[in-house]
Amino acid sequence: MGESIMARRYRAKLAAERLESQLATDADARATLDAWHRDWLDRRRAAARLGIAERTLKAWQLARRGPAPVKFGECRQSRVAWRSSDIDAFLADPAAFERAKLAAVGGTSQESTAFG
């Protein structure tokens, strides 16, 4: 026994509505993701914006130098990101940028080692 024409049309209509709904949801998700990428920078993009290496940004993060990251979660390996506005504010303060650049990985700066 085959499916009636009405049943096939109804199933096709439901499938089209589901697809249309999914496309709308995907568009909303893409818009949200685009906004997130505009407002937040991962380590790679933040380092590029600052003009430094990723490992330098990681060292700054561990030494609590430079722009402060935001941690998403409680876990030790939770994702971190930097606000674009925080990066821009940090870049606008040349003295802070130079202090962070001069900081050594161990938490001492070249200024302190030069005097003693």
Protein backbone atom coordinates (compact mmCIF):
# COMPACT_ATOMS: atom_id res chain seq x y z
CA MET A 1 0.00 0.00 0.00
CA GLY A 2 1.35 3.34 -1.00
CA GLU A 3 1.03 6.64 0.69
CA SER A 4 -1.80 8.88 -0.42
CA ILE A 5 -1.09 12.04 -2.37
CA MET A 6 -2.48 14.13 0.50
CA ALA A 7 -0.18 12.44 3.02
CA ARG A 8 2.86 13.00 0.76
CA ARG A 9 1.96 16.66 0.29
CA TYR A 10 1.47 17.08 4.03
CA ARG A 11 4.85 15.44 4.76
CA ALA A 12 6.53 17.60 2.11
CA LYS A 13 4.93 20.72 3.62
CA LEU A 14 6.14 19.77 7.11
CA ALA A 15 9.64 19.11 5.78
CA ALA A 16 9.67 22.51 4.02
CA GLU A 17 8.51 24.26 7.20
CA ARG A 18 11.17 22.45 9.24
CA LEU A 19 13.84 23.44 6.72
CA GLU A 20 12.66 27.05 6.70
CA SER A 21 12.68 27.15 10.50
CA GLN A 22 16.18 25.62 10.59
CA LEU A 23 17.48 28.18 8.09
CA ALA A 24 16.06 31.02 10.20
CA THR A 25 17.66 29.51 13.31
CA ASP A 26 20.96 29.09 11.47
CA ALA A 27 20.81 32.73 10.34
CA ASP A 28 20.22 33.82 13.95
CA ALA A 29 23.08 31.62 15.11
CA ARG A 30 25.36 33.08 12.44
CA ALA A 31 24.40 36.62 13.46
CA THR A 32 25.10 35.79 17.12
CA LEU A 33 28.43 34.22 16.21
CA ASP A 34 29.38 37.23 14.07
CA ALA A 35 28.53 39.56 16.96
CA TRP A 36 30.60 37.39 19.32
CA HIS A 37 33.56 37.53 16.95
CA ARG A 38 33.23 41.32 16.73
CA ASP A 39 33.09 41.78 20.50
CA TRP A 40 35.39 38.96 21.72
CA LEU A 41 38.82 37.81 20.58
CA ASP A 42 40.36 34.42 21.18
CA ARG A 43 44.08 34.21 22.00
CA ARG A 44 45.14 34.02 18.35
CA ARG A 45 43.10 37.05 17.28
CA ALA A 46 43.95 39.06 20.43
CA ALA A 47 47.67 38.44 19.92
CA ALA A 48 47.39 39.47 16.29
CA ARG A 49 45.56 42.67 17.26
CA LEU A 50 48.29 43.43 19.83
CA GLY A 51 51.08 42.55 17.40
CA ILE A 52 52.62 39.93 19.66
CA ALA A 53 53.02 36.15 19.61
CA GLU A 54 50.36 33.93 21.15
CA ARG A 55 52.82 32.54 23.67
CA THR A 56 53.67 36.11 24.74
CA LEU A 57 50.00 36.80 25.37
CA LYS A 58 49.78 33.55 27.35
CA ALA A 59 52.78 34.66 29.44
CA TRP A 60 51.14 38.05 30.01
CA GLN A 61 47.96 36.28 31.06
CA LEU A 62 49.80 34.11 33.58
CA ALA A 63 51.78 37.09 34.90
CA ARG A 64 48.59 39.21 35.01
CA ARG A 65 50.03 41.75 32.60
CA GLY A 66 48.32 43.35 29.65
CA PRO A 67 44.58 43.35 29.00
CA ALA A 68 42.63 41.09 31.33
CA PRO A 69 40.98 38.06 29.73
CA VAL A 70 37.53 36.81 30.64
CA LYS A 71 37.29 33.13 31.55
CA PHE A 72 34.19 31.26 30.38
CA GLY A 73 33.70 28.57 33.00
CA GLU A 74 35.08 27.34 36.28
CA CYS A 75 37.33 24.60 34.92
CA ARG A 76 41.07 25.15 34.70
CA GLN A 77 40.96 24.58 30.95
CA SER A 78 37.93 26.82 30.39
CA ARG A 79 38.01 29.03 27.35
CA VAL A 80 39.32 32.57 27.74
CA ALA A 81 38.73 35.53 25.48
CA TRP A 82 39.48 39.23 25.45
CA ARG A 83 36.97 42.01 24.79
CA SER A 84 37.84 44.03 21.70
CA SER A 85 37.24 47.22 23.65
CA ASP A 86 39.73 46.12 26.36
CA ILE A 87 42.38 45.41 23.72
CA ASP A 88 41.76 48.81 22.09
CA ALA A 89 41.95 50.60 25.47
CA PHE A 90 45.19 48.78 26.26
CA LEU A 91 46.68 49.77 22.90
CA ALA A 92 45.62 53.38 23.51
CA ASP A 93 47.86 53.49 26.62
CA PRO A 94 51.43 53.29 25.30
CA ALA A 95 52.96 53.23 28.78
CA ALA A 96 50.94 50.16 29.82
CA PHE A 97 51.81 48.43 26.58
CA GLU A 98 55.53 49.10 27.08
CA ARG A 99 55.42 47.89 30.71
CA ALA A 100 53.78 44.65 29.59
CA LYS A 101 56.27 44.22 26.75
CA LEU A 102 59.18 44.66 29.13
CA ALA A 103 57.82 42.10 31.58
CA ALA A 104 59.75 38.86 31.60
CA VAL A 105 57.96 35.53 31.74
CA GLY A 106 59.08 34.98 35.33
CA GLY A 107 57.22 38.04 36.51
CA THR A 108 60.22 40.38 36.75
CA SER A 109 60.79 43.23 34.39
CA GLN A 110 63.96 44.31 32.67
CA GLU A 111 63.81 47.56 34.64
CA SER A 112 64.12 45.73 37.98
CA THR A 113 66.97 43.49 36.76
CA ALA A 114 68.88 46.47 35.38
CA PHE A 115 69.23 47.99 38.87
CA GLY A 116 70.10 44.98 40.85
